[in-house]
Amino acid sequence: QVQLVESGGGLVQAGGSLRLSCVASGRTFSNYAMGWFRQAPGKEREFVSSITWNGGRTLYTDSVKGRFTISRDNAKNTVYLQMNNLKAEDTAVYFCAADRNSFRLGNVGANFGSWGQGTQVTVSS
């Protein structure tokens, strides 16, 4: 299992930006596709974005397209989620996750075998 630790969450006003980071350890990072999910209070966890092992392909849920950008730096064992033009409905705990199928652009939780502990993002309107 790869271990994942997220950071970068916080409180931001609507229209602002945050960059989340997720550092991996314990396994070869480039062997994994990576994803970001989020869970708002009282709601189910939902897919946000995913990226293949070398960053060559990415996938986004419709509600964040054009506002969020996923990227990775395999030399730093880190995946990022740049979030711009944040909205109140983006408020959630954000989780990064690792998929052992490094070529897959997964968008369901079952594709991912390792998860971080989450970082809170709160957007005030």
N, C-alpha and C. Protein backbone atom coordinates (compact mmCIF):
# COMPACT_ATOMS: atom_id res chain seq x y z
N GLN A 1 0.83 -1.18 0.00
CA GLN A 1 0.00 0.00 0.00
C GLN A 1 0.88 1.25 0.00
N VAL A 2 0.47 2.19 -0.77
CA VAL A 2 1.14 3.48 -0.76
C VAL A 2 0.46 4.35 0.30
N GLN A 3 1.25 5.13 1.02
CA GLN A 3 0.69 6.04 2.01
C GLN A 3 0.56 7.43 1.39
N LEU A 4 -0.54 8.10 1.70
CA LEU A 4 -0.86 9.38 1.08
C LEU A 4 -1.18 10.41 2.16
N VAL A 5 -0.62 11.61 2.02
CA VAL A 5 -0.89 12.69 2.96
C VAL A 5 -1.22 13.95 2.18
N GLU A 6 -2.43 14.46 2.41
CA GLU A 6 -2.87 15.68 1.73
C GLU A 6 -2.56 16.91 2.57
N SER A 7 -2.44 18.03 1.90
CA SER A 7 -2.29 19.32 2.57
C SER A 7 -2.78 20.40 1.63
N GLY A 8 -2.89 21.61 2.17
CA GLY A 8 -3.23 22.75 1.34
C GLY A 8 -4.65 23.24 1.45
N GLY A 9 -5.47 22.52 2.21
CA GLY A 9 -6.84 22.99 2.40
C GLY A 9 -6.89 24.22 3.28
N GLY A 10 -8.09 24.79 3.36
CA GLY A 10 -8.26 25.98 4.19
C GLY A 10 -9.56 26.68 3.89
N LEU A 11 -9.65 27.90 4.41
CA LEU A 11 -10.83 28.75 4.23
C LEU A 11 -10.50 29.81 3.19
N VAL A 12 -11.37 29.94 2.20
CA VAL A 12 -11.14 30.90 1.12
C VAL A 12 -12.48 31.50 0.72
N GLN A 13 -12.45 32.74 0.26
CA GLN A 13 -13.67 33.37 -0.22
C GLN A 13 -14.03 32.86 -1.61
N ALA A 14 -15.29 32.92 -1.93
CA ALA A 14 -15.72 32.54 -3.27
C ALA A 14 -14.96 33.34 -4.31
N GLY A 15 -14.54 32.67 -5.36
CA GLY A 15 -13.73 33.29 -6.39
C GLY A 15 -12.23 33.15 -6.16
N GLY A 16 -11.86 32.69 -4.99
CA GLY A 16 -10.45 32.52 -4.66
C GLY A 16 -9.88 31.21 -5.16
N SER A 17 -8.64 30.96 -4.79
CA SER A 17 -7.92 29.78 -5.25
C SER A 17 -7.23 29.07 -4.10
N LEU A 18 -7.05 27.78 -4.27
CA LEU A 18 -6.25 26.96 -3.37
C LEU A 18 -5.54 25.91 -4.21
N ARG A 19 -4.40 25.47 -3.72
CA ARG A 19 -3.72 24.34 -4.35
C ARG A 19 -3.53 23.24 -3.31
N LEU A 20 -4.13 22.12 -3.57
CA LEU A 20 -3.96 20.96 -2.72
C LEU A 20 -2.78 20.14 -3.19
N SER A 21 -2.08 19.55 -2.23
CA SER A 21 -0.96 18.65 -2.52
C SER A 21 -1.20 17.32 -1.84
N CYS A 22 -0.69 16.29 -2.43
CA CYS A 22 -0.78 14.95 -1.85
C CYS A 22 0.56 14.28 -2.07
N VAL A 23 1.24 13.99 -0.98
CA VAL A 23 2.56 13.36 -1.06
C VAL A 23 2.42 11.86 -0.79
N ALA A 24 3.03 11.08 -1.64
CA ALA A 24 2.97 9.62 -1.52
C ALA A 24 4.29 9.08 -1.00
N SER A 25 4.19 7.96 -0.28
CA SER A 25 5.39 7.29 0.21
C SER A 25 5.11 5.80 0.31
N GLY A 26 6.18 5.05 0.34
CA GLY A 26 6.05 3.62 0.57
C GLY A 26 6.09 2.75 -0.67
N ARG A 27 5.79 3.32 -1.80
CA ARG A 27 5.83 2.58 -3.06
C ARG A 27 6.32 3.52 -4.16
N THR A 28 6.58 2.97 -5.33
CA THR A 28 7.01 3.79 -6.46
C THR A 28 5.83 4.58 -6.99
N PHE A 29 5.90 5.88 -6.81
CA PHE A 29 4.76 6.75 -7.12
C PHE A 29 4.33 6.65 -8.57
N SER A 30 5.28 6.54 -9.47
CA SER A 30 4.94 6.53 -10.89
C SER A 30 4.26 5.23 -11.32
N ASN A 31 4.14 4.29 -10.44
CA ASN A 31 3.40 3.06 -10.74
C ASN A 31 1.89 3.22 -10.55
N TYR A 32 1.47 4.40 -10.12
CA TYR A 32 0.07 4.63 -9.77
C TYR A 32 -0.53 5.76 -10.59
N ALA A 33 -1.77 5.53 -11.04
CA ALA A 33 -2.60 6.66 -11.40
C ALA A 33 -3.13 7.27 -10.10
N MET A 34 -3.48 8.53 -10.15
CA MET A 34 -3.91 9.22 -8.94
C MET A 34 -5.24 9.92 -9.16
N GLY A 35 -5.96 10.10 -8.09
CA GLY A 35 -7.24 10.78 -8.19
C GLY A 35 -7.52 11.65 -6.99
N TRP A 36 -8.44 12.58 -7.19
CA TRP A 36 -8.97 13.41 -6.11
C TRP A 36 -10.48 13.18 -6.02
N PHE A 37 -10.94 13.02 -4.80
CA PHE A 37 -12.36 12.90 -4.50
C PHE A 37 -12.70 13.93 -3.43
N ARG A 38 -13.98 14.17 -3.23
CA ARG A 38 -14.40 15.07 -2.16
C ARG A 38 -15.71 14.57 -1.55
N GLN A 39 -15.90 14.98 -0.31
CA GLN A 39 -17.14 14.63 0.39
C GLN A 39 -17.61 15.82 1.19
N ALA A 40 -18.78 16.30 0.84
CA ALA A 40 -19.40 17.40 1.55
C ALA A 40 -20.26 16.85 2.68
N PRO A 41 -20.53 17.66 3.69
CA PRO A 41 -21.34 17.18 4.82
C PRO A 41 -22.70 16.67 4.35
N GLY A 42 -23.04 15.47 4.81
CA GLY A 42 -24.33 14.89 4.47
C GLY A 42 -24.44 14.34 3.07
N LYS A 43 -23.33 14.35 2.34
CA LYS A 43 -23.36 13.85 0.96
C LYS A 43 -22.39 12.70 0.79
N GLU A 44 -22.59 11.97 -0.28
CA GLU A 44 -21.67 10.87 -0.59
C GLU A 44 -20.37 11.43 -1.18
N ARG A 45 -19.34 10.64 -1.05
CA ARG A 45 -18.07 10.99 -1.68
C ARG A 45 -18.25 11.03 -3.20
N GLU A 46 -17.65 12.03 -3.83
CA GLU A 46 -17.76 12.15 -5.28
C GLU A 46 -16.40 12.35 -5.92
N PHE A 47 -16.31 11.87 -7.13
CA PHE A 47 -15.10 12.00 -7.94
C PHE A 47 -14.89 13.45 -8.34
N VAL A 48 -13.62 13.89 -8.33
CA VAL A 48 -13.28 15.23 -8.78
C VAL A 48 -12.40 15.17 -10.03
N SER A 49 -11.28 14.43 -9.93
CA SER A 49 -10.34 14.42 -11.04
C SER A 49 -9.40 13.23 -10.90
N SER A 50 -8.81 12.82 -12.02
CA SER A 50 -7.80 11.76 -11.98
C SER A 50 -6.75 12.01 -13.05
N ILE A 51 -5.60 11.35 -12.90
CA ILE A 51 -4.47 11.56 -13.79
C ILE A 51 -3.70 10.26 -13.91
N THR A 52 -3.24 9.96 -15.12
CA THR A 52 -2.48 8.74 -15.33
C THR A 52 -1.05 8.89 -14.81
N TRP A 53 -0.29 7.82 -14.89
CA TRP A 53 0.99 7.74 -14.20
C TRP A 53 1.98 8.83 -14.60
N ASN A 54 1.92 9.25 -15.87
CA ASN A 54 2.89 10.25 -16.33
C ASN A 54 2.24 11.60 -16.59
N GLY A 55 1.00 11.74 -16.21
CA GLY A 55 0.30 13.00 -16.43
C GLY A 55 -0.20 13.19 -17.84
N GLY A 56 -0.09 12.16 -18.65
CA GLY A 56 -0.45 12.31 -20.05
C GLY A 56 -1.94 12.46 -20.31
N ARG A 57 -2.73 11.90 -19.41
CA ARG A 57 -4.18 12.03 -19.57
C ARG A 57 -4.80 12.43 -18.24
N THR A 58 -5.83 13.25 -18.32
CA THR A 58 -6.53 13.69 -17.12
C THR A 58 -8.04 13.60 -17.36
N LEU A 59 -8.77 13.57 -16.25
CA LEU A 59 -10.23 13.48 -16.31
C LEU A 59 -10.79 14.35 -15.20
N TYR A 60 -11.90 15.04 -15.50
CA TYR A 60 -12.53 15.91 -14.51
C TYR A 60 -14.03 15.67 -14.49
N THR A 61 -14.61 15.83 -13.32
CA THR A 61 -16.05 15.87 -13.27
C THR A 61 -16.53 17.19 -13.86
N ASP A 62 -17.73 17.19 -14.42
CA ASP A 62 -18.18 18.36 -15.16
C ASP A 62 -18.19 19.65 -14.33
N SER A 63 -18.51 19.54 -13.06
CA SER A 63 -18.68 20.74 -12.25
C SER A 63 -17.38 21.49 -11.98
N VAL A 64 -16.24 20.87 -12.23
CA VAL A 64 -14.95 21.55 -11.97
C VAL A 64 -14.17 21.83 -13.25
N LYS A 65 -14.65 21.37 -14.38
CA LYS A 65 -13.94 21.60 -15.64
C LYS A 65 -13.74 23.08 -15.88
N GLY A 66 -12.53 23.46 -16.26
CA GLY A 66 -12.21 24.85 -16.52
C GLY A 66 -11.82 25.62 -15.27
N ARG A 67 -12.02 25.03 -14.10
CA ARG A 67 -11.66 25.70 -12.84
C ARG A 67 -10.55 24.97 -12.09
N PHE A 68 -10.56 23.65 -12.14
CA PHE A 68 -9.57 22.84 -11.43
C PHE A 68 -8.59 22.23 -12.42
N THR A 69 -7.35 22.07 -11.97
CA THR A 69 -6.33 21.41 -12.77
C THR A 69 -5.57 20.41 -11.92
N ILE A 70 -5.53 19.17 -12.37
CA ILE A 70 -4.74 18.15 -11.69
C ILE A 70 -3.39 18.03 -12.39
N SER A 71 -2.35 17.81 -11.60
CA SER A 71 -1.03 17.61 -12.16
C SER A 71 -0.23 16.75 -11.19
N ARG A 72 0.92 16.31 -11.62
CA ARG A 72 1.76 15.49 -10.75
C ARG A 72 3.23 15.74 -11.06
N ASP A 73 4.04 15.52 -10.04
CA ASP A 73 5.49 15.60 -10.16
C ASP A 73 6.04 14.30 -9.61
N ASN A 74 6.39 13.39 -10.48
CA ASN A 74 6.84 12.08 -10.02
C ASN A 74 8.17 12.15 -9.29
N ALA A 75 8.98 13.14 -9.59
CA ALA A 75 10.25 13.29 -8.87
C ALA A 75 10.02 13.68 -7.42
N LYS A 76 8.88 14.30 -7.14
CA LYS A 76 8.54 14.72 -5.78
C LYS A 76 7.47 13.84 -5.15
N ASN A 77 7.07 12.79 -5.85
CA ASN A 77 6.04 11.88 -5.33
C ASN A 77 4.77 12.63 -4.93
N THR A 78 4.40 13.61 -5.71
CA THR A 78 3.31 14.50 -5.34
C THR A 78 2.32 14.69 -6.48
N VAL A 79 1.05 14.69 -6.10
CA VAL A 79 -0.02 15.06 -7.03
C VAL A 79 -0.67 16.33 -6.49
N TYR A 80 -1.06 17.20 -7.41
CA TYR A 80 -1.63 18.50 -7.04
C TYR A 80 -3.03 18.64 -7.60
N LEU A 81 -3.79 19.50 -6.93
CA LEU A 81 -5.08 19.92 -7.46
C LEU A 81 -5.14 21.44 -7.30
N GLN A 82 -4.97 22.14 -8.41
CA GLN A 82 -5.10 23.59 -8.41
C GLN A 82 -6.57 23.93 -8.60
N MET A 83 -7.10 24.67 -7.65
CA MET A 83 -8.53 24.99 -7.67
C MET A 83 -8.69 26.50 -7.76
N ASN A 84 -9.26 26.95 -8.86
CA ASN A 84 -9.49 28.38 -9.10
C ASN A 84 -10.98 28.67 -9.14
N ASN A 85 -11.30 29.94 -8.99
CA ASN A 85 -12.70 30.38 -9.04
C ASN A 85 -13.57 29.48 -8.16
N LEU A 86 -13.16 29.32 -6.94
CA LEU A 86 -13.87 28.41 -6.03
C LEU A 86 -15.26 28.93 -5.72
N LYS A 87 -16.16 27.99 -5.55
CA LYS A 87 -17.56 28.28 -5.25
C LYS A 87 -17.94 27.65 -3.91
N ALA A 88 -19.00 28.14 -3.31
CA ALA A 88 -19.44 27.60 -2.03
C ALA A 88 -19.70 26.09 -2.14
N GLU A 89 -20.19 25.66 -3.28
CA GLU A 89 -20.50 24.24 -3.45
C GLU A 89 -19.26 23.36 -3.57
N ASP A 90 -18.08 23.97 -3.62
CA ASP A 90 -16.84 23.20 -3.60
C ASP A 90 -16.42 22.84 -2.17
N THR A 91 -17.12 23.38 -1.18
CA THR A 91 -16.80 23.08 0.21
C THR A 91 -16.95 21.60 0.48
N ALA A 92 -15.87 20.99 0.99
CA ALA A 92 -15.86 19.55 1.23
C ALA A 92 -14.52 19.16 1.83
N VAL A 93 -14.45 17.93 2.28
CA VAL A 93 -13.16 17.32 2.59
C VAL A 93 -12.66 16.68 1.30
N TYR A 94 -11.43 17.00 0.94
CA TYR A 94 -10.84 16.50 -0.30
C TYR A 94 -9.84 15.39 0.03
N PHE A 95 -9.98 14.30 -0.70
CA PHE A 95 -9.13 13.13 -0.50
C PHE A 95 -8.35 12.82 -1.78
N CYS A 96 -7.09 12.48 -1.62
CA CYS A 96 -6.39 11.92 -2.77
C CYS A 96 -6.38 10.40 -2.64
N ALA A 97 -6.22 9.74 -3.77
CA ALA A 97 -6.29 8.29 -3.81
C ALA A 97 -5.37 7.76 -4.90
N ALA A 98 -4.89 6.54 -4.71
CA ALA A 98 -3.95 5.93 -5.64
C ALA A 98 -4.56 4.68 -6.26
N ASP A 99 -4.36 4.54 -7.56
CA ASP A 99 -4.89 3.42 -8.35
C ASP A 99 -3.70 2.63 -8.89
N ARG A 100 -3.64 1.35 -8.60
CA ARG A 100 -2.51 0.52 -9.04
C ARG A 100 -2.50 0.31 -10.55
N ASN A 101 -3.63 0.58 -11.20
CA ASN A 101 -3.65 0.55 -12.66
C ASN A 101 -3.20 1.91 -13.14
N SER A 102 -1.93 2.04 -13.44
CA SER A 102 -1.32 3.35 -13.68
C SER A 102 -1.82 4.03 -14.95
N PHE A 103 -2.46 3.25 -15.85
CA PHE A 103 -2.92 3.83 -17.11
C PHE A 103 -4.40 4.20 -17.06
N ARG A 104 -5.08 3.85 -15.97
CA ARG A 104 -6.52 4.04 -15.92
C ARG A 104 -6.87 5.44 -15.43
N LEU A 105 -7.88 6.02 -16.04
CA LEU A 105 -8.47 7.27 -15.53
C LEU A 105 -9.72 6.89 -14.77
N GLY A 106 -9.52 6.40 -13.56
CA GLY A 106 -10.64 5.97 -12.75
C GLY A 106 -11.49 7.13 -12.28
N ASN A 107 -12.76 6.86 -12.11
CA ASN A 107 -13.65 7.89 -11.58
C ASN A 107 -14.63 7.34 -10.55
N VAL A 108 -14.34 6.16 -10.06
CA VAL A 108 -15.12 5.59 -8.97
C VAL A 108 -14.18 5.16 -7.87
N GLY A 109 -14.65 5.25 -6.65
CA GLY A 109 -13.79 4.94 -5.52
C GLY A 109 -13.21 3.55 -5.53
N ALA A 110 -13.95 2.59 -6.09
CA ALA A 110 -13.50 1.21 -6.11
C ALA A 110 -12.24 1.01 -6.94
N ASN A 111 -11.93 1.95 -7.82
CA ASN A 111 -10.71 1.84 -8.63
C ASN A 111 -9.46 2.12 -7.80
N PHE A 112 -9.61 2.73 -6.66
CA PHE A 112 -8.48 3.24 -5.90
C PHE A 112 -8.31 2.46 -4.60
N GLY A 113 -7.11 1.94 -4.39
CA GLY A 113 -6.88 1.08 -3.24
C GLY A 113 -6.28 1.77 -2.05
N SER A 114 -5.74 2.97 -2.23
CA SER A 114 -5.12 3.69 -1.13
C SER A 114 -5.68 5.09 -1.07
N TRP A 115 -5.89 5.57 0.15
CA TRP A 115 -6.53 6.87 0.36
C TRP A 115 -5.78 7.65 1.43
N GLY A 116 -5.78 8.97 1.26
CA GLY A 116 -5.27 9.84 2.30
C GLY A 116 -6.34 10.12 3.34
N GLN A 117 -5.97 10.93 4.31
CA GLN A 117 -6.87 11.23 5.42
C GLN A 117 -7.80 12.39 5.14
N GLY A 118 -7.50 13.14 4.10
CA GLY A 118 -8.36 14.25 3.69
C GLY A 118 -7.88 15.59 4.21
N THR A 119 -8.26 16.63 3.47
CA THR A 119 -7.99 18.00 3.88
C THR A 119 -9.24 18.83 3.62
N GLN A 120 -9.59 19.67 4.58
CA GLN A 120 -10.84 20.43 4.52
C GLN A 120 -10.67 21.66 3.64
N VAL A 121 -11.60 21.85 2.74
CA VAL A 121 -11.69 23.07 1.94
C VAL A 121 -13.04 23.71 2.23
N THR A 122 -13.00 24.96 2.67
CA THR A 122 -14.22 25.70 2.98
C THR A 122 -14.23 26.98 2.17
N VAL A 123 -15.29 27.17 1.39
CA VAL A 123 -15.42 28.35 0.55
C VAL A 123 -16.58 29.17 1.07
N SER A 124 -16.29 30.38 1.48
CA SER A 124 -17.33 31.25 2.02
C SER A 124 -17.91 32.11 0.90
N SER A 125 -19.21 32.26 0.91
CA SER A 125 -19.89 33.03 -0.15
C SER A 125 -20.14 34.46 0.28
